[in-house]
């Protein structure tokens, strides 16, 4: 059964059961602003504006039948050039 649960920007992802997600083949999708990610926020270009990232977390089984998750991110993140500092 393929099912998708969506989350929007500004909403925190609630805990989920990774094994159940893998067994069911379901996925979670959403969007997040890169400025809301602490390890990315301090590296963003100051005048960059919003840097939306679309994500999808999908439950799968690997080649040996073990539970696994795949994470896909799509977006553009304008960073400060570290060489130019």
PDB file of N, CA and C in Angstrom:
ATOM      1  N   UNK A   1       0.842  -1.178   0.000  1.00  0.00           N
ATOM      2  CA  UNK A   1       0.000   0.000   0.000  1.00  0.00           C
ATOM      3  C   UNK A   1       0.885   1.238   0.000  1.00  0.00           C
ATOM      4  N   UNK A   2       0.680   2.113  -0.952  1.00  0.00           N
ATOM      5  CA  UNK A   2       1.453   3.348  -1.068  1.00  0.00           C
ATOM      6  C   UNK A   2       0.622   4.502  -0.523  1.00  0.00           C
ATOM      7  N   UNK A   3       1.111   5.147   0.499  1.00  0.00           N
ATOM      8  CA  UNK A   3       0.393   6.266   1.108  1.00  0.00           C
ATOM      9  C   UNK A   3       1.383   7.377   1.402  1.00  0.00           C
ATOM     10  N   UNK A   4       0.912   8.609   1.350  1.00  0.00           N
ATOM     11  CA  UNK A   4       1.779   9.749   1.612  1.00  0.00           C
ATOM     12  C   UNK A   4       1.133  10.641   2.655  1.00  0.00           C
ATOM     13  N   UNK A   5       1.921  11.064   3.628  1.00  0.00           N
ATOM     14  CA  UNK A   5       1.481  12.042   4.614  1.00  0.00           C
ATOM     15  C   UNK A   5       2.292  13.298   4.385  1.00  0.00           C
ATOM     16  N   UNK A   6       1.629  14.449   4.300  1.00  0.00           N
ATOM     17  CA  UNK A   6       2.326  15.695   4.007  1.00  0.00           C
ATOM     18  C   UNK A   6       2.456  16.567   5.244  1.00  0.00           C
ATOM     19  N   UNK A   7       3.566  17.295   5.315  1.00  0.00           N
ATOM     20  CA  UNK A   7       3.838  18.248   6.371  1.00  0.00           C
ATOM     21  C   UNK A   7       4.212  19.564   5.713  1.00  0.00           C
ATOM     22  N   UNK A   8       3.802  20.666   6.287  1.00  0.00           N
ATOM     23  CA  UNK A   8       4.104  21.967   5.700  1.00  0.00           C
ATOM     24  C   UNK A   8       5.185  22.676   6.493  1.00  0.00           C
ATOM     25  N   UNK A   9       5.744  23.709   5.890  1.00  0.00           N
ATOM     26  CA  UNK A   9       6.805  24.490   6.529  1.00  0.00           C
ATOM     27  C   UNK A   9       6.305  25.054   7.852  1.00  0.00           C
ATOM     28  N   UNK A  10       7.193  25.141   8.811  1.00  0.00           N
ATOM     29  CA  UNK A  10       6.856  25.705  10.103  1.00  0.00           C
ATOM     30  C   UNK A  10       6.218  24.698  11.051  1.00  0.00           C
ATOM     31  N   UNK A  11       5.966  23.512  10.593  1.00  0.00           N
ATOM     32  CA  UNK A  11       5.366  22.488  11.436  1.00  0.00           C
ATOM     33  C   UNK A  11       6.397  21.413  11.710  1.00  0.00           C
ATOM     34  N   UNK A  12       6.571  21.099  12.954  1.00  0.00           N
ATOM     35  CA  UNK A  12       7.565  20.106  13.329  1.00  0.00           C
ATOM     36  C   UNK A  12       7.066  18.700  13.051  1.00  0.00           C
ATOM     37  N   UNK A  13       7.923  17.887  12.501  1.00  0.00           N
ATOM     38  CA  UNK A  13       7.589  16.502  12.232  1.00  0.00           C
ATOM     39  C   UNK A  13       7.443  15.761  13.555  1.00  0.00           C
ATOM     40  N   UNK A  14       6.369  15.069  13.701  1.00  0.00           N
ATOM     41  CA  UNK A  14       6.130  14.284  14.912  1.00  0.00           C
ATOM     42  C   UNK A  14       6.904  12.972  14.800  1.00  0.00           C
ATOM     43  N   UNK A  15       7.176  12.346  15.933  1.00  0.00           N
ATOM     44  CA  UNK A  15       7.867  11.046  15.885  1.00  0.00           C
ATOM     45  C   UNK A  15       7.075  10.056  15.029  1.00  0.00           C
ATOM     46  N   UNK A  16       7.792   9.148  14.395  1.00  0.00           N
ATOM     47  CA  UNK A  16       7.141   8.130  13.570  1.00  0.00           C
ATOM     48  C   UNK A  16       7.850   6.809  13.785  1.00  0.00           C
ATOM     49  N   UNK A  17       7.188   5.731  13.435  1.00  0.00           N
ATOM     50  CA  UNK A  17       7.734   4.389  13.573  1.00  0.00           C
ATOM     51  C   UNK A  17       8.419   4.013  12.257  1.00  0.00           C
ATOM     52  N   UNK A  18       9.750   4.044  12.252  1.00  0.00           N
ATOM     53  CA  UNK A  18      10.516   3.785  11.027  1.00  0.00           C
ATOM     54  C   UNK A  18      10.285   2.363  10.505  1.00  0.00           C
ATOM     55  N   UNK A  19      10.162   1.388  11.398  1.00  0.00           N
ATOM     56  CA  UNK A  19       9.929   0.011  10.947  1.00  0.00           C
ATOM     57  C   UNK A  19       8.551  -0.134  10.305  1.00  0.00           C
ATOM     58  N   UNK A  20       7.562   0.515  10.878  1.00  0.00           N
ATOM     59  CA  UNK A  20       6.205   0.471  10.305  1.00  0.00           C
ATOM     60  C   UNK A  20       6.183   1.178   8.947  1.00  0.00           C
ATOM     61  N   UNK A  21       6.873   2.304   8.856  1.00  0.00           N
ATOM     62  CA  UNK A  21       6.950   3.039   7.596  1.00  0.00           C
ATOM     63  C   UNK A  21       7.598   2.174   6.518  1.00  0.00           C
ATOM     64  N   UNK A  22       8.650   1.468   6.886  1.00  0.00           N
ATOM     65  CA  UNK A  22       9.341   0.595   5.940  1.00  0.00           C
ATOM     66  C   UNK A  22       8.465  -0.577   5.513  1.00  0.00           C
ATOM     67  N   UNK A  23       7.816  -1.195   6.478  1.00  0.00           N
ATOM     68  CA  UNK A  23       6.985  -2.366   6.174  1.00  0.00           C
ATOM     69  C   UNK A  23       5.799  -2.008   5.286  1.00  0.00           C
ATOM     70  N   UNK A  24       5.249  -0.821   5.466  1.00  0.00           N
ATOM     71  CA  UNK A  24       4.059  -0.429   4.711  1.00  0.00           C
ATOM     72  C   UNK A  24       4.383   0.197   3.357  1.00  0.00           C
ATOM     73  N   UNK A  25       5.632   0.630   3.163  1.00  0.00           N
ATOM     74  CA  UNK A  25       6.007   1.291   1.917  1.00  0.00           C
ATOM     75  C   UNK A  25       5.449   2.695   1.808  1.00  0.00           C
ATOM     76  N   UNK A  26       4.999   3.249   2.913  1.00  0.00           N
ATOM     77  CA  UNK A  26       4.444   4.595   2.908  1.00  0.00           C
ATOM     78  C   UNK A  26       5.552   5.636   2.869  1.00  0.00           C
ATOM     79  N   UNK A  27       5.153   6.889   2.678  1.00  0.00           N
ATOM     80  CA  UNK A  27       6.136   7.966   2.659  1.00  0.00           C
ATOM     81  C   UNK A  27       5.594   9.191   3.373  1.00  0.00           C
ATOM     82  N   UNK A  28       6.505  10.022   3.841  1.00  0.00           N
ATOM     83  CA  UNK A  28       6.197  11.310   4.452  1.00  0.00           C
ATOM     84  C   UNK A  28       6.820  12.373   3.567  1.00  0.00           C
ATOM     85  N   UNK A  29       6.104  13.450   3.300  1.00  0.00           N
ATOM     86  CA  UNK A  29       6.650  14.523   2.478  1.00  0.00           C
ATOM     87  C   UNK A  29       6.376  15.865   3.133  1.00  0.00           C
ATOM     88  N   UNK A  30       7.163  16.854   2.769  1.00  0.00           N
ATOM     89  CA  UNK A  30       6.942  18.182   3.308  1.00  0.00           C
ATOM     90  C   UNK A  30       7.914  19.186   2.746  1.00  0.00           C
ATOM     91  N   UNK A  31       7.851  20.387   3.292  1.00  0.00           N
ATOM     92  CA  UNK A  31       8.738  21.478   2.911  1.00  0.00           C
ATOM     93  C   UNK A  31       9.304  22.099   4.170  1.00  0.00           C
ATOM     94  N   UNK A  32      10.509  22.628   4.043  1.00  0.00           N
ATOM     95  CA  UNK A  32      11.138  23.329   5.158  1.00  0.00           C
ATOM     96  C   UNK A  32      11.978  24.464   4.584  1.00  0.00           C
ATOM     97  N   UNK A  33      12.059  25.549   5.299  1.00  0.00           N
ATOM     98  CA  UNK A  33      12.935  26.660   4.914  1.00  0.00           C
ATOM     99  C   UNK A  33      14.319  26.349   5.488  1.00  0.00           C
ATOM    100  N   UNK A  34      15.349  26.451   4.681  1.00  0.00           N
ATOM    101  CA  UNK A  34      16.712  26.141   5.138  1.00  0.00           C
ATOM    102  C   UNK A  34      17.105  26.987   6.349  1.00  0.00           C
ATOM    103  N   UNK A  35      16.525  28.179   6.483  1.00  0.00           N
ATOM    104  CA  UNK A  35      16.830  29.039   7.632  1.00  0.00           C
ATOM    105  C   UNK A  35      16.331  28.442   8.944  1.00  0.00           C
ATOM    106  N   UNK A  36      15.415  27.480   8.873  1.00  0.00           N
ATOM    107  CA  UNK A  36      14.905  26.816  10.071  1.00  0.00           C
ATOM    108  C   UNK A  36      15.775  25.636  10.499  1.00  0.00           C
ATOM    109  N   UNK A  37      16.817  25.341   9.738  1.00  0.00           N
ATOM    110  CA  UNK A  37      17.717  24.232  10.061  1.00  0.00           C
ATOM    111  C   UNK A  37      18.980  24.802  10.715  1.00  0.00           C
ATOM    112  N   UNK A  38      19.166  24.577  12.011  1.00  0.00           N
ATOM    113  CA  UNK A  38      20.271  25.217  12.746  1.00  0.00           C
ATOM    114  C   UNK A  38      21.661  25.011  12.138  1.00  0.00           C
ATOM    115  N   UNK A  39      21.938  23.853  11.577  1.00  0.00           N
ATOM    116  CA  UNK A  39      23.278  23.592  11.045  1.00  0.00           C
ATOM    117  C   UNK A  39      23.497  24.198   9.669  1.00  0.00           C
ATOM    118  N   UNK A  40      22.441  24.744   9.072  1.00  0.00           N
ATOM    119  CA  UNK A  40      22.528  25.373   7.760  1.00  0.00           C
ATOM    120  C   UNK A  40      22.357  26.885   7.861  1.00  0.00           C
ATOM    121  N   UNK A  41      21.528  27.330   8.791  1.00  0.00           N
ATOM    122  CA  UNK A  41      21.118  28.736   8.881  1.00  0.00           C
ATOM    123  C   UNK A  41      22.281  29.717   8.923  1.00  0.00           C
ATOM    124  N   UNK A  42      23.335  29.422   9.675  1.00  0.00           N
ATOM    125  CA  UNK A  42      24.445  30.375   9.805  1.00  0.00           C
ATOM    126  C   UNK A  42      25.348  30.413   8.578  1.00  0.00           C
ATOM    127  N   UNK A  43      25.108  29.570   7.601  1.00  0.00           N
ATOM    128  CA  UNK A  43      25.905  29.553   6.381  1.00  0.00           C
ATOM    129  C   UNK A  43      25.172  30.159   5.180  1.00  0.00           C
ATOM    130  N   UNK A  44      23.899  30.533   5.387  1.00  0.00           N
ATOM    131  CA  UNK A  44      23.104  31.097   4.292  1.00  0.00           C
ATOM    132  C   UNK A  44      23.564  32.503   3.946  1.00  0.00           C
ATOM    133  N   UNK A  45      23.462  32.855   2.667  1.00  0.00           N
ATOM    134  CA  UNK A  45      23.751  34.221   2.228  1.00  0.00           C
ATOM    135  C   UNK A  45      22.732  35.153   2.890  1.00  0.00           C
ATOM    136  N   UNK A  46      23.181  36.311   3.354  1.00  0.00           N
ATOM    137  CA  UNK A  46      22.337  37.220   4.126  1.00  0.00           C
ATOM    138  C   UNK A  46      21.113  37.701   3.342  1.00  0.00           C
ATOM    139  N   UNK A  47      21.283  38.069   2.084  1.00  0.00           N
ATOM    140  CA  UNK A  47      20.179  38.605   1.290  1.00  0.00           C
ATOM    141  C   UNK A  47      19.514  37.549   0.401  1.00  0.00           C
ATOM    142  N   UNK A  48      19.598  36.309   0.799  1.00  0.00           N
ATOM    143  CA  UNK A  48      19.140  35.215  -0.049  1.00  0.00           C
ATOM    144  C   UNK A  48      17.619  35.050  -0.087  1.00  0.00           C
ATOM    145  N   UNK A  49      16.911  35.510   0.933  1.00  0.00           N
ATOM    146  CA  UNK A  49      15.475  35.267   0.986  1.00  0.00           C
ATOM    147  C   UNK A  49      15.199  33.837   1.410  1.00  0.00           C
ATOM    148  N   UNK A  50      13.997  33.381   1.151  1.00  0.00           N
ATOM    149  CA  UNK A  50      13.612  32.018   1.550  1.00  0.00           C
ATOM    150  C   UNK A  50      14.339  30.979   0.707  1.00  0.00           C
ATOM    151  N   UNK A  51      14.765  29.929   1.346  1.00  0.00           N
ATOM    152  CA  UNK A  51      15.428  28.817   0.665  1.00  0.00           C
ATOM    153  C   UNK A  51      14.623  27.556   0.974  1.00  0.00           C
ATOM    154  N   UNK A  52      13.585  27.340   0.197  1.00  0.00           N
ATOM    155  CA  UNK A  52      12.679  26.216   0.427  1.00  0.00           C
ATOM    156  C   UNK A  52      13.315  24.895  -0.009  1.00  0.00           C
ATOM    157  N   UNK A  53      13.211  23.914   0.861  1.00  0.00           N
ATOM    158  CA  UNK A  53      13.636  22.556   0.547  1.00  0.00           C
ATOM    159  C   UNK A  53      12.411  21.657   0.616  1.00  0.00           C
ATOM    160  N   UNK A  54      12.213  20.861  -0.405  1.00  0.00           N
ATOM    161  CA  UNK A  54      11.133  19.877  -0.427  1.00  0.00           C
ATOM    162  C   UNK A  54      11.768  18.540  -0.082  1.00  0.00           C
ATOM    163  N   UNK A  55      11.156  17.803   0.858  1.00  0.00           N
ATOM    164  CA  UNK A  55      11.737  16.521   1.267  1.00  0.00           C
ATOM    165  C   UNK A  55      10.702  15.407   1.175  1.00  0.00           C
ATOM    166  N   UNK A  56      11.227  14.200   1.027  1.00  0.00           N
ATOM    167  CA  UNK A  56      10.381  12.996   1.012  1.00  0.00           C
ATOM    168  C   UNK A  56      11.145  11.880   1.710  1.00  0.00           C
ATOM    169  N   UNK A  57      10.510  11.287   2.701  1.00  0.00           N
ATOM    170  CA  UNK A  57      11.065  10.157   3.436  1.00  0.00           C
ATOM    171  C   UNK A  57      10.225   8.938   3.081  1.00  0.00           C
ATOM    172  N   UNK A  58      10.847   7.947   2.471  1.00  0.00           N
ATOM    173  CA  UNK A  58      10.115   6.794   1.965  1.00  0.00           C
ATOM    174  C   UNK A  58      10.584   5.513   2.645  1.00  0.00           C
ATOM    175  N   UNK A  59       9.624   4.713   3.077  1.00  0.00           N
ATOM    176  CA  UNK A  59       9.934   3.408   3.664  1.00  0.00           C
ATOM    177  C   UNK A  59      10.099   2.376   2.570  1.00  0.00           C
ATOM    178  N   UNK A  60      11.189   1.619   2.648  1.00  0.00           N
ATOM    179  CA  UNK A  60      11.472   0.596   1.637  1.00  0.00           C
ATOM    180  C   UNK A  60      12.056  -0.648   2.312  1.00  0.00           C
ATOM    181  N   UNK A  61      12.289  -1.664   1.525  1.00  0.00           N
ATOM    182  CA  UNK A  61      13.063  -2.839   1.930  1.00  0.00           C
ATOM    183  C   UNK A  61      14.289  -2.874   1.026  1.00  0.00           C
ATOM    184  N   UNK A  62      15.461  -3.150   1.616  1.00  0.00           N
ATOM    185  CA  UNK A  62      16.676  -3.203   0.789  1.00  0.00           C
ATOM    186  C   UNK A  62      16.721  -4.515   0.019  1.00  0.00           C
ATOM    187  N   UNK A  63      17.783  -4.740  -0.708  1.00  0.00           N
ATOM    188  CA  UNK A  63      17.934  -5.932  -1.536  1.00  0.00           C
ATOM    189  C   UNK A  63      17.884  -7.237  -0.770  1.00  0.00           C
ATOM    190  N   UNK A  64      18.147  -7.177   0.529  1.00  0.00           N
ATOM    191  CA  UNK A  64      18.110  -8.383   1.363  1.00  0.00           C
ATOM    192  C   UNK A  64      16.843  -8.447   2.209  1.00  0.00           C
ATOM    193  N   UNK A  65      15.895  -7.565   1.925  1.00  0.00           N
ATOM    194  CA  UNK A  65      14.622  -7.580   2.630  1.00  0.00           C
ATOM    195  C   UNK A  65      14.614  -6.867   3.972  1.00  0.00           C
ATOM    196  N   UNK A  66      15.704  -6.188   4.294  1.00  0.00           N
ATOM    197  CA  UNK A  66      15.772  -5.461   5.569  1.00  0.00           C
ATOM    198  C   UNK A  66      15.059  -4.125   5.445  1.00  0.00           C
ATOM    199  N   UNK A  67      14.447  -3.655   6.536  1.00  0.00           N
ATOM    200  CA  UNK A  67      13.788  -2.350   6.491  1.00  0.00           C
ATOM    201  C   UNK A  67      14.803  -1.230   6.294  1.00  0.00           C
ATOM    202  N   UNK A  68      14.409  -0.229   5.507  1.00  0.00           N
ATOM    203  CA  UNK A  68      15.293   0.907   5.241  1.00  0.00           C
ATOM    204  C   UNK A  68      14.438   2.132   4.937  1.00  0.00           C
ATOM    205  N   UNK A  69      15.065   3.289   4.998  1.00  0.00           N
ATOM    206  CA  UNK A  69      14.419   4.544   4.648  1.00  0.00           C
ATOM    207  C   UNK A  69      15.270   5.258   3.609  1.00  0.00           C
ATOM    208  N   UNK A  70      14.630   5.933   2.680  1.00  0.00           N
ATOM    209  CA  UNK A  70      15.349   6.791   1.750  1.00  0.00           C
ATOM    210  C   UNK A  70      14.846   8.221   1.945  1.00  0.00           C
ATOM    211  N   UNK A  71      15.772   9.157   1.948  1.00  0.00           N
ATOM    212  CA  UNK A  71      15.444  10.573   2.097  1.00  0.00           C
ATOM    213  C   UNK A  71      15.856  11.292   0.828  1.00  0.00           C
ATOM    214  N   UNK A  72      14.920  12.038   0.246  1.00  0.00           N
ATOM    215  CA  UNK A  72      15.185  12.831  -0.948  1.00  0.00           C
ATOM    216  C   UNK A  72      14.941  14.296  -0.613  1.00  0.00           C
ATOM    217  N   UNK A  73      15.911  15.142  -0.940  1.00  0.00           N
ATOM    218  CA  UNK A  73      15.795  16.591  -0.756  1.00  0.00           C
ATOM    219  C   UNK A  73      15.909  17.255  -2.115  1.00  0.00           C
ATOM    220  N   UNK A  74      15.101  18.283  -2.329  1.00  0.00           N
ATOM    221  CA  UNK A  74      15.191  19.056  -3.570  1.00  0.00           C
ATOM    222  C   UNK A  74      15.057  20.531  -3.224  1.00  0.00           C
ATOM    223  N   UNK A  75      15.915  21.335  -3.807  1.00  0.00           N
ATOM    224  CA  UNK A  75      15.845  22.772  -3.570  1.00  0.00           C
ATOM    225  C   UNK A  75      17.173  23.430  -3.862  1.00  0.00           C
ATOM    226  N   UNK A  76      17.212  24.717  -3.642  1.00  0.00           N
ATOM    227  CA  UNK A  76      18.413  25.500  -3.860  1.00  0.00           C
ATOM    228  C   UNK A  76      18.709  26.286  -2.587  1.00  0.00           C
ATOM    229  N   UNK A  77      19.937  26.168  -2.096  1.00  0.00           N
ATOM    230  CA  UNK A  77      20.330  26.827  -0.854  1.00  0.00           C
ATOM    231  C   UNK A  77      21.491  27.779  -1.155  1.00  0.00           C
ATOM    232  N   UNK A  78      21.223  29.095  -1.174  1.00  0.00           N
ATOM    233  CA  UNK A  78      22.289  30.073  -1.431  1.00  0.00           C
ATOM    234  C   UNK A  78      23.192  30.219  -0.209  1.00  0.00           C
ATOM    235  N   UNK A  79      24.450  29.851  -0.355  1.00  0.00           N
ATOM    236  CA  UNK A  79      25.405  29.876   0.750  1.00  0.00           C
ATOM    237  C   UNK A  79      26.412  31.007   0.583  1.00  0.00           C
ATOM    238  N   UNK A  80      27.037  31.396   1.684  1.00  0.00           N
ATOM    239  CA  UNK A  80      28.131  32.365   1.656  1.00  0.00           C
ATOM    240  C   UNK A  80      29.380  31.622   1.198  1.00  0.00           C
ATOM    241  N   UNK A  81      30.070  32.176   0.232  1.00  0.00           N
ATOM    242  CA  UNK A  81      31.300  31.563  -0.271  1.00  0.00           C
ATOM    243  C   UNK A  81      32.362  31.584   0.828  1.00  0.00           C
ATOM    244  N   UNK A  82      32.807  30.425   1.253  1.00  0.00           N
ATOM    245  CA  UNK A  82      33.792  30.330   2.328  1.00  0.00           C
ATOM    246  C   UNK A  82      35.180  30.802   1.875  1.00  0.00           C
ATOM    247  N   UNK A  83      35.472  30.666   0.601  1.00  0.00           N
ATOM    248  CA  UNK A  83      36.758  31.097   0.068  1.00  0.00           C
ATOM    249  C   UNK A  83      36.861  32.622   0.020  1.00  0.00           C
ATOM    250  N   UNK A  84      35.714  33.279  -0.162  1.00  0.00           N
ATOM    251  CA  UNK A  84      35.690  34.740  -0.306  1.00  0.00           C
ATOM    252  C   UNK A  84      35.684  35.492   1.027  1.00  0.00           C
ATOM    253  N   UNK A  85      35.534  34.780   2.122  1.00  0.00           N
ATOM    254  CA  UNK A  85      35.442  35.467   3.426  1.00  0.00           C
ATOM    255  C   UNK A  85      36.712  36.178   3.797  1.00  0.00           C
TER     256      UNK A  85
END
